[in-house]
Amino acid sequence: FLLALSVYHILWLQAMIYPLVTITHELGHALVGWLFGYPSLPLFDFGQREGMTLHGNQNLAVLLSVYLGLSILLFRYRHNSLTSRVLLGVIFTYSIIAFSRLANALIVFMGHGAELVLASILLYFAFANRLLQLRLLYAMLGFFIVLYDLSFAYKLRYDLSYQLLYAYHRSGNSLGDFSRLALSFDGKVATVANLFFWCCFLPPLGSFVLFRYQNCVRDWLSKLKN
């Protein structure tokens, strides 16, 4: 954590890590977009530390492909009652999200959400790896992303000038993700930022819990495979 804090305040080191954050952010939008039937293309501008993802209209063929994949899994594990129940729950939940405005909200959120997922994975690797050098690298990268998102959420919550800049960024061509979420649910950007601020504490906590109970998780996953 101290190493990440140091790197966070050294501009040329920041510049080396920010592309990882940008790539993760835009791929999060794109992958979740495809998952819910919206053909998506991520674009990157590393010079400006920015990116954007283009989304098409919801495509029935893409949705049917997802349902086909889930149906194949359900048929494959039809003799495993636990796996069948889990898959039916996934199909039911997926259907509710895919055909409601929750799909668009999730696509928008999963830019910054993907950053937290990556931070969780990196911090888990830091716990699980035996090599000290790799543990330090994974931990530094994971905590760097957490610090980046904490700083972003804090400024969006309390810094009025930053809120004004964020409201219409990229020279006014598009709304920021949290501005779009706030508009979708008739809320305020500060409210969305506040919720995200507390979400930023999940990667350290979640990665530790996953490492602590990884044997239980493996046992549960083995039951799903059988």
C-alpha atoms as a PDB file:
ATOM      1  CA  PHE A   1       0.000   0.000   0.000  1.00  0.00           C
ATOM      2  CA  LEU A   2       2.815   2.430   0.857  1.00  0.00           C
ATOM      3  CA  LEU A   3       4.532   1.609  -2.432  1.00  0.00           C
ATOM      4  CA  ALA A   4       1.298   2.317  -4.336  1.00  0.00           C
ATOM      5  CA  LEU A   5       0.871   5.560  -2.421  1.00  0.00           C
ATOM      6  CA  SER A   6       4.381   6.627  -3.419  1.00  0.00           C
ATOM      7  CA  VAL A   7       3.882   5.688  -7.065  1.00  0.00           C
ATOM      8  CA  TYR A   8       0.558   7.525  -7.102  1.00  0.00           C
ATOM      9  CA  HIS A   9       2.363  10.799  -6.374  1.00  0.00           C
ATOM     10  CA  ILE A  10       5.128  10.350  -8.982  1.00  0.00           C
ATOM     11  CA  LEU A  11       3.803  11.597 -12.314  1.00  0.00           C
ATOM     12  CA  TRP A  12       6.053   9.624 -14.676  1.00  0.00           C
ATOM     13  CA  LEU A  13       5.272   6.377 -12.832  1.00  0.00           C
ATOM     14  CA  GLN A  14       1.579   7.228 -12.949  1.00  0.00           C
ATOM     15  CA  ALA A  15       1.870   7.593 -16.713  1.00  0.00           C
ATOM     16  CA  MET A  16       3.155   4.003 -16.962  1.00  0.00           C
ATOM     17  CA  ILE A  17       0.205   2.542 -15.034  1.00  0.00           C
ATOM     18  CA  TYR A  18      -2.697   4.675 -16.263  1.00  0.00           C
ATOM     19  CA  PRO A  19      -2.955   2.793 -19.613  1.00  0.00           C
ATOM     20  CA  LEU A  20      -3.767  -0.347 -17.600  1.00  0.00           C
ATOM     21  CA  VAL A  21      -6.620   1.513 -15.904  1.00  0.00           C
ATOM     22  CA  THR A  22      -7.885   2.945 -19.210  1.00  0.00           C
ATOM     23  CA  ILE A  23      -7.799  -0.422 -20.982  1.00  0.00           C
ATOM     24  CA  THR A  24      -9.593  -2.125 -18.094  1.00  0.00           C
ATOM     25  CA  HIS A  25     -12.231   0.616 -17.947  1.00  0.00           C
ATOM     26  CA  GLU A  26     -13.127   0.491 -21.631  1.00  0.00           C
ATOM     27  CA  LEU A  27     -12.973  -3.299 -21.859  1.00  0.00           C
ATOM     28  CA  GLY A  28     -15.365  -3.424 -18.898  1.00  0.00           C
ATOM     29  CA  HIS A  29     -17.875  -1.340 -20.856  1.00  0.00           C
ATOM     30  CA  ALA A  30     -17.342  -3.399 -24.020  1.00  0.00           C
ATOM     31  CA  LEU A  31     -17.480  -6.898 -22.519  1.00  0.00           C
ATOM     32  CA  VAL A  32     -20.609  -6.217 -20.470  1.00  0.00           C
ATOM     33  CA  GLY A  33     -22.113  -4.543 -23.530  1.00  0.00           C
ATOM     34  CA  TRP A  34     -21.603  -7.689 -25.606  1.00  0.00           C
ATOM     35  CA  LEU A  35     -22.907  -9.807 -22.708  1.00  0.00           C
ATOM     36  CA  PHE A  36     -26.252  -8.013 -22.824  1.00  0.00           C
ATOM     37  CA  GLY A  37     -26.523  -7.923 -26.603  1.00  0.00           C
ATOM     38  CA  TYR A  38     -25.014  -4.531 -27.442  1.00  0.00           C
ATOM     39  CA  PRO A  39     -22.167  -4.823 -30.004  1.00  0.00           C
ATOM     40  CA  SER A  40     -19.370  -2.680 -28.554  1.00  0.00           C
ATOM     41  CA  LEU A  41     -16.040  -1.302 -29.710  1.00  0.00           C
ATOM     42  CA  PRO A  42     -13.540   0.106 -27.166  1.00  0.00           C
ATOM     43  CA  LEU A  43     -11.302   3.005 -28.245  1.00  0.00           C
ATOM     44  CA  PHE A  44      -8.233   4.344 -26.433  1.00  0.00           C
ATOM     45  CA  ASP A  45      -6.426   7.684 -26.276  1.00  0.00           C
ATOM     46  CA  PHE A  46      -3.437   7.077 -24.021  1.00  0.00           C
ATOM     47  CA  GLY A  47      -2.042  10.543 -24.665  1.00  0.00           C
ATOM     48  CA  GLN A  48      -5.077  12.073 -22.954  1.00  0.00           C
ATOM     49  CA  ARG A  49      -5.431   9.175 -20.473  1.00  0.00           C
ATOM     50  CA  GLU A  50      -8.904   8.649 -21.847  1.00  0.00           C
ATOM     51  CA  GLY A  51     -10.940   6.196 -23.826  1.00  0.00           C
ATOM     52  CA  MET A  52     -14.464   5.634 -25.000  1.00  0.00           C
ATOM     53  CA  THR A  53     -16.600   2.688 -26.021  1.00  0.00           C
ATOM     54  CA  LEU A  54     -19.052   2.754 -28.899  1.00  0.00           C
ATOM     55  CA  HIS A  55     -22.237   0.725 -28.411  1.00  0.00           C
ATOM     56  CA  GLY A  56     -24.699  -0.375 -31.057  1.00  0.00           C
ATOM     57  CA  ASN A  57     -28.361  -1.169 -30.550  1.00  0.00           C
ATOM     58  CA  GLN A  58     -29.302  -4.333 -28.712  1.00  0.00           C
ATOM     59  CA  ASN A  59     -28.875  -7.233 -31.123  1.00  0.00           C
ATOM     60  CA  LEU A  60     -31.145 -10.270 -30.916  1.00  0.00           C
ATOM     61  CA  ALA A  61     -28.514 -12.581 -32.456  1.00  0.00           C
ATOM     62  CA  VAL A  62     -26.012 -11.716 -29.704  1.00  0.00           C
ATOM     63  CA  LEU A  63     -28.639 -12.300 -26.994  1.00  0.00           C
ATOM     64  CA  LEU A  64     -29.583 -15.651 -28.518  1.00  0.00           C
ATOM     65  CA  SER A  65     -25.894 -16.629 -28.556  1.00  0.00           C
ATOM     66  CA  VAL A  66     -25.697 -15.990 -24.812  1.00  0.00           C
ATOM     67  CA  TYR A  67     -28.868 -18.000 -24.198  1.00  0.00           C
ATOM     68  CA  LEU A  68     -27.512 -20.780 -26.408  1.00  0.00           C
ATOM     69  CA  GLY A  69     -24.319 -20.949 -24.373  1.00  0.00           C
ATOM     70  CA  LEU A  70     -26.240 -21.054 -21.096  1.00  0.00           C
ATOM     71  CA  SER A  71     -28.563 -23.735 -22.495  1.00  0.00           C
ATOM     72  CA  ILE A  72     -25.600 -25.891 -23.526  1.00  0.00           C
ATOM     73  CA  LEU A  73     -24.166 -25.590 -20.009  1.00  0.00           C
ATOM     74  CA  LEU A  74     -27.560 -26.464 -18.519  1.00  0.00           C
ATOM     75  CA  PHE A  75     -27.785 -29.567 -20.717  1.00  0.00           C
ATOM     76  CA  ARG A  76     -24.168 -30.516 -19.959  1.00  0.00           C
ATOM     77  CA  TYR A  77     -24.731 -30.412 -16.184  1.00  0.00           C
ATOM     78  CA  ARG A  78     -28.368 -31.563 -16.155  1.00  0.00           C
ATOM     79  CA  HIS A  79     -27.525 -34.453 -13.811  1.00  0.00           C
ATOM     80  CA  ASN A  80     -25.985 -32.113 -11.213  1.00  0.00           C
ATOM     81  CA  SER A  81     -28.892 -30.612  -9.280  1.00  0.00           C
ATOM     82  CA  LEU A  82     -26.742 -27.901  -7.638  1.00  0.00           C
ATOM     83  CA  THR A  83     -25.256 -26.699 -10.935  1.00  0.00           C
ATOM     84  CA  SER A  84     -28.660 -26.838 -12.631  1.00  0.00           C
ATOM     85  CA  ARG A  85     -30.203 -24.656  -9.939  1.00  0.00           C
ATOM     86  CA  VAL A  86     -27.328 -22.170 -10.165  1.00  0.00           C
ATOM     87  CA  LEU A  87     -27.603 -21.984 -13.965  1.00  0.00           C
ATOM     88  CA  LEU A  88     -31.386 -21.528 -13.822  1.00  0.00           C
ATOM     89  CA  GLY A  89     -30.833 -18.702 -11.345  1.00  0.00           C
ATOM     90  CA  VAL A  90     -28.262 -17.150 -13.676  1.00  0.00           C
ATOM     91  CA  ILE A  91     -30.641 -17.401 -16.660  1.00  0.00           C
ATOM     92  CA  PHE A  92     -33.495 -15.869 -14.672  1.00  0.00           C
ATOM     93  CA  THR A  93     -31.354 -12.988 -13.352  1.00  0.00           C
ATOM     94  CA  TYR A  94     -29.785 -12.414 -16.754  1.00  0.00           C
ATOM     95  CA  SER A  95     -33.214 -12.195 -18.400  1.00  0.00           C
ATOM     96  CA  ILE A  96     -34.441  -9.604 -15.897  1.00  0.00           C
ATOM     97  CA  ILE A  97     -31.366  -7.425 -16.443  1.00  0.00           C
ATOM     98  CA  ALA A  98     -31.110  -7.877 -20.228  1.00  0.00           C
ATOM     99  CA  PHE A  99     -34.648  -6.696 -20.924  1.00  0.00           C
ATOM    100  CA  SER A 100     -34.714  -3.737 -18.546  1.00  0.00           C
ATOM    101  CA  ARG A 101     -32.833  -0.483 -18.147  1.00  0.00           C
ATOM    102  CA  LEU A 102     -30.612  -2.259 -15.626  1.00  0.00           C
ATOM    103  CA  ALA A 103     -28.592  -3.563 -18.589  1.00  0.00           C
ATOM    104  CA  ASN A 104     -27.602  -0.072 -19.704  1.00  0.00           C
ATOM    105  CA  ALA A 105     -26.890   0.970 -16.115  1.00  0.00           C
ATOM    106  CA  LEU A 106     -24.647  -2.052 -15.611  1.00  0.00           C
ATOM    107  CA  ILE A 107     -22.802  -1.407 -18.881  1.00  0.00           C
ATOM    108  CA  VAL A 108     -22.128   2.186 -17.796  1.00  0.00           C
ATOM    109  CA  PHE A 109     -21.092   1.218 -14.271  1.00  0.00           C
ATOM    110  CA  MET A 110     -18.774  -1.577 -15.344  1.00  0.00           C
ATOM    111  CA  GLY A 111     -16.170   0.857 -16.619  1.00  0.00           C
ATOM    112  CA  HIS A 112     -15.147   1.819 -13.103  1.00  0.00           C
ATOM    113  CA  GLY A 113     -16.550  -1.472 -11.828  1.00  0.00           C
ATOM    114  CA  ALA A 114     -14.082  -3.414 -13.984  1.00  0.00           C
ATOM    115  CA  GLU A 115     -11.260  -1.430 -12.383  1.00  0.00           C
ATOM    116  CA  LEU A 116     -12.360  -2.677  -8.953  1.00  0.00           C
ATOM    117  CA  VAL A 117     -12.632  -6.243 -10.281  1.00  0.00           C
ATOM    118  CA  LEU A 118      -9.061  -6.042 -11.604  1.00  0.00           C
ATOM    119  CA  ALA A 119      -7.848  -4.566  -8.305  1.00  0.00           C
ATOM    120  CA  SER A 120      -9.482  -7.485  -6.465  1.00  0.00           C
ATOM    121  CA  ILE A 121      -7.773 -10.038  -8.717  1.00  0.00           C
ATOM    122  CA  LEU A 122      -4.366  -8.364  -8.345  1.00  0.00           C
ATOM    123  CA  LEU A 123      -4.680  -8.179  -4.549  1.00  0.00           C
ATOM    124  CA  TYR A 124      -5.712 -11.840  -4.418  1.00  0.00           C
ATOM    125  CA  PHE A 125      -2.591 -12.708  -6.444  1.00  0.00           C
ATOM    126  CA  ALA A 126      -0.581 -10.674  -3.931  1.00  0.00           C
ATOM    127  CA  PHE A 127      -1.925 -12.834  -1.105  1.00  0.00           C
ATOM    128  CA  ALA A 128      -1.568 -16.120  -2.979  1.00  0.00           C
ATOM    129  CA  ASN A 129       1.804 -15.775  -4.741  1.00  0.00           C
ATOM    130  CA  ARG A 130       4.910 -17.178  -3.052  1.00  0.00           C
ATOM    131  CA  LEU A 131       7.477 -14.872  -4.709  1.00  0.00           C
ATOM    132  CA  LEU A 132       7.970 -11.677  -2.718  1.00  0.00           C
ATOM    133  CA  GLN A 133       8.756  -9.586  -5.815  1.00  0.00           C
ATOM    134  CA  LEU A 134       5.523 -10.632  -7.531  1.00  0.00           C
ATOM    135  CA  ARG A 135       3.530 -10.155  -4.347  1.00  0.00           C
ATOM    136  CA  LEU A 136       4.817  -6.586  -4.083  1.00  0.00           C
ATOM    137  CA  LEU A 137       4.087  -5.902  -7.768  1.00  0.00           C
ATOM    138  CA  TYR A 138       0.541  -7.286  -7.617  1.00  0.00           C
ATOM    139  CA  ALA A 139      -0.193  -5.480  -4.355  1.00  0.00           C
ATOM    140  CA  MET A 140       1.193  -2.191  -5.640  1.00  0.00           C
ATOM    141  CA  LEU A 141      -0.882  -2.367  -8.833  1.00  0.00           C
ATOM    142  CA  GLY A 142      -4.025  -3.407  -6.964  1.00  0.00           C
ATOM    143  CA  PHE A 143      -3.724  -0.670  -4.357  1.00  0.00           C
ATOM    144  CA  PHE A 144      -2.836   1.892  -7.039  1.00  0.00           C
ATOM    145  CA  ILE A 145      -6.163   1.220  -8.784  1.00  0.00           C
ATOM    146  CA  VAL A 146      -8.004   1.425  -5.450  1.00  0.00           C
ATOM    147  CA  LEU A 147      -6.320   4.756  -4.653  1.00  0.00           C
ATOM    148  CA  TYR A 148      -7.110   6.061  -8.135  1.00  0.00           C
ATOM    149  CA  ASP A 149     -10.796   5.194  -7.759  1.00  0.00           C
ATOM    150  CA  LEU A 150     -10.990   6.499  -4.189  1.00  0.00           C
ATOM    151  CA  SER A 151      -9.497   9.805  -5.294  1.00  0.00           C
ATOM    152  CA  PHE A 152     -11.861   9.990  -8.270  1.00  0.00           C
ATOM    153  CA  ALA A 153     -14.942   9.307  -6.119  1.00  0.00           C
ATOM    154  CA  TYR A 154     -13.843  11.718  -3.380  1.00  0.00           C
ATOM    155  CA  LYS A 155     -13.243  14.585  -5.817  1.00  0.00           C
ATOM    156  CA  LEU A 156     -16.528  13.902  -7.567  1.00  0.00           C
ATOM    157  CA  ARG A 157     -18.277  13.996  -4.200  1.00  0.00           C
ATOM    158  CA  TYR A 158     -16.673  17.048  -2.592  1.00  0.00           C
ATOM    159  CA  ASP A 159     -14.790  19.086  -5.235  1.00  0.00           C
ATOM    160  CA  LEU A 160     -17.205  21.451  -7.006  1.00  0.00           C
ATOM    161  CA  SER A 161     -14.734  22.464  -9.721  1.00  0.00           C
ATOM    162  CA  TYR A 162     -14.022  18.799 -10.513  1.00  0.00           C
ATOM    163  CA  GLN A 163     -17.780  18.117 -10.652  1.00  0.00           C
ATOM    164  CA  LEU A 164     -18.191  20.876 -13.229  1.00  0.00           C
ATOM    165  CA  LEU A 165     -15.311  19.537 -15.320  1.00  0.00           C
ATOM    166  CA  TYR A 166     -16.684  16.001 -15.125  1.00  0.00           C
ATOM    167  CA  ALA A 167     -20.258  16.944 -16.019  1.00  0.00           C
ATOM    168  CA  TYR A 168     -19.276  17.477 -19.672  1.00  0.00           C
ATOM    169  CA  HIS A 169     -15.817  16.137 -20.381  1.00  0.00           C
ATOM    170  CA  ARG A 170     -14.038  15.542 -23.692  1.00  0.00           C
ATOM    171  CA  SER A 171     -14.829  19.139 -24.743  1.00  0.00           C
ATOM    172  CA  GLY A 172     -18.500  18.672 -23.982  1.00  0.00           C
ATOM    173  CA  ASN A 173     -19.004  15.784 -26.403  1.00  0.00           C
ATOM    174  CA  SER A 174     -20.281  13.259 -23.886  1.00  0.00           C
ATOM    175  CA  LEU A 175     -21.476  12.809 -20.342  1.00  0.00           C
ATOM    176  CA  GLY A 176     -19.309  11.077 -17.771  1.00  0.00           C
ATOM    177  CA  ASP A 177     -20.338   7.584 -16.693  1.00  0.00           C
ATOM    178  CA  PHE A 178     -21.634   8.636 -13.288  1.00  0.00           C
ATOM    179  CA  SER A 179     -23.508  11.594 -14.810  1.00  0.00           C
ATOM    180  CA  ARG A 180     -25.286   9.128 -17.096  1.00  0.00           C
ATOM    181  CA  LEU A 181     -26.087   6.842 -14.167  1.00  0.00           C
ATOM    182  CA  ALA A 182     -27.459   9.754 -12.166  1.00  0.00           C
ATOM    183  CA  LEU A 183     -29.695  10.811 -15.072  1.00  0.00           C
ATOM    184  CA  SER A 184     -30.923   7.252 -15.592  1.00  0.00           C
ATOM    185  CA  PHE A 185     -32.133   6.938 -12.010  1.00  0.00           C
ATOM    186  CA  ASP A 186     -33.146  10.562 -11.316  1.00  0.00           C
ATOM    187  CA  GLY A 187     -30.360  10.952  -8.795  1.00  0.00           C
ATOM    188  CA  LYS A 188     -27.353  13.171  -8.215  1.00  0.00           C
ATOM    189  CA  VAL A 189     -23.792  12.553  -9.375  1.00  0.00           C
ATOM    190  CA  ALA A 190     -22.598  13.075  -5.802  1.00  0.00           C
ATOM    191  CA  THR A 191     -24.876  10.246  -4.624  1.00  0.00           C
ATOM    192  CA  VAL A 192     -23.487   7.843  -7.238  1.00  0.00           C
ATOM    193  CA  ALA A 193     -19.942   8.930  -6.362  1.00  0.00           C
ATOM    194  CA  ASN A 194     -20.609   8.340  -2.669  1.00  0.00           C
ATOM    195  CA  LEU A 195     -21.831   4.798  -3.314  1.00  0.00           C
ATOM    196  CA  PHE A 196     -18.808   4.101  -5.502  1.00  0.00           C
ATOM    197  CA  PHE A 197     -16.481   5.511  -2.825  1.00  0.00           C
ATOM    198  CA  TRP A 198     -17.583   2.792  -0.412  1.00  0.00           C
ATOM    199  CA  CYS A 199     -17.368   0.159  -3.156  1.00  0.00           C
ATOM    200  CA  CYS A 200     -13.646   0.985  -3.414  1.00  0.00           C
ATOM    201  CA  PHE A 201     -13.067  -0.741  -0.070  1.00  0.00           C
ATOM    202  CA  LEU A 202     -14.389  -4.042  -1.412  1.00  0.00           C
ATOM    203  CA  PRO A 203     -11.248  -5.149  -3.343  1.00  0.00           C
ATOM    204  CA  PRO A 204      -8.927  -5.331  -0.281  1.00  0.00           C
ATOM    205  CA  LEU A 205     -11.650  -6.918   1.839  1.00  0.00           C
ATOM    206  CA  GLY A 206     -12.932  -9.252  -0.864  1.00  0.00           C
ATOM    207  CA  SER A 207      -9.480 -10.444  -1.931  1.00  0.00           C
ATOM    208  CA  PHE A 208      -8.559 -11.241   1.680  1.00  0.00           C
ATOM    209  CA  VAL A 209     -11.809 -13.147   2.287  1.00  0.00           C
ATOM    210  CA  LEU A 210     -11.348 -15.073  -0.983  1.00  0.00           C
ATOM    211  CA  PHE A 211      -7.783 -16.003  -0.025  1.00  0.00           C
ATOM    212  CA  ARG A 212      -8.799 -16.919   3.534  1.00  0.00           C
ATOM    213  CA  TYR A 213     -11.608 -19.210   2.361  1.00  0.00           C
ATOM    214  CA  GLN A 214     -10.185 -20.318  -0.985  1.00  0.00           C
ATOM    215  CA  ASN A 215     -10.367 -23.995  -0.024  1.00  0.00           C
ATOM    216  CA  CYS A 216     -14.100 -23.643   0.655  1.00  0.00           C
ATOM    217  CA  VAL A 217     -14.529 -21.913  -2.697  1.00  0.00           C
ATOM    218  CA  ARG A 218     -12.588 -24.680  -4.463  1.00  0.00           C
ATOM    219  CA  ASP A 219     -14.742 -27.339  -2.781  1.00  0.00           C
ATOM    220  CA  TRP A 220     -17.929 -25.554  -3.863  1.00  0.00           C
ATOM    221  CA  LEU A 221     -16.667 -25.156  -7.439  1.00  0.00           C
ATOM    222  CA  SER A 222     -15.715 -28.843  -7.572  1.00  0.00           C
ATOM    223  CA  LYS A 223     -19.300 -29.699  -6.642  1.00  0.00           C
ATOM    224  CA  LEU A 224     -20.517 -27.595  -9.558  1.00  0.00           C
ATOM    225  CA  LYS A 225     -18.196 -29.407 -11.989  1.00  0.00           C
ATOM    226  CA  ASN A 226     -19.155 -32.943 -10.997  1.00  0.00           C
END
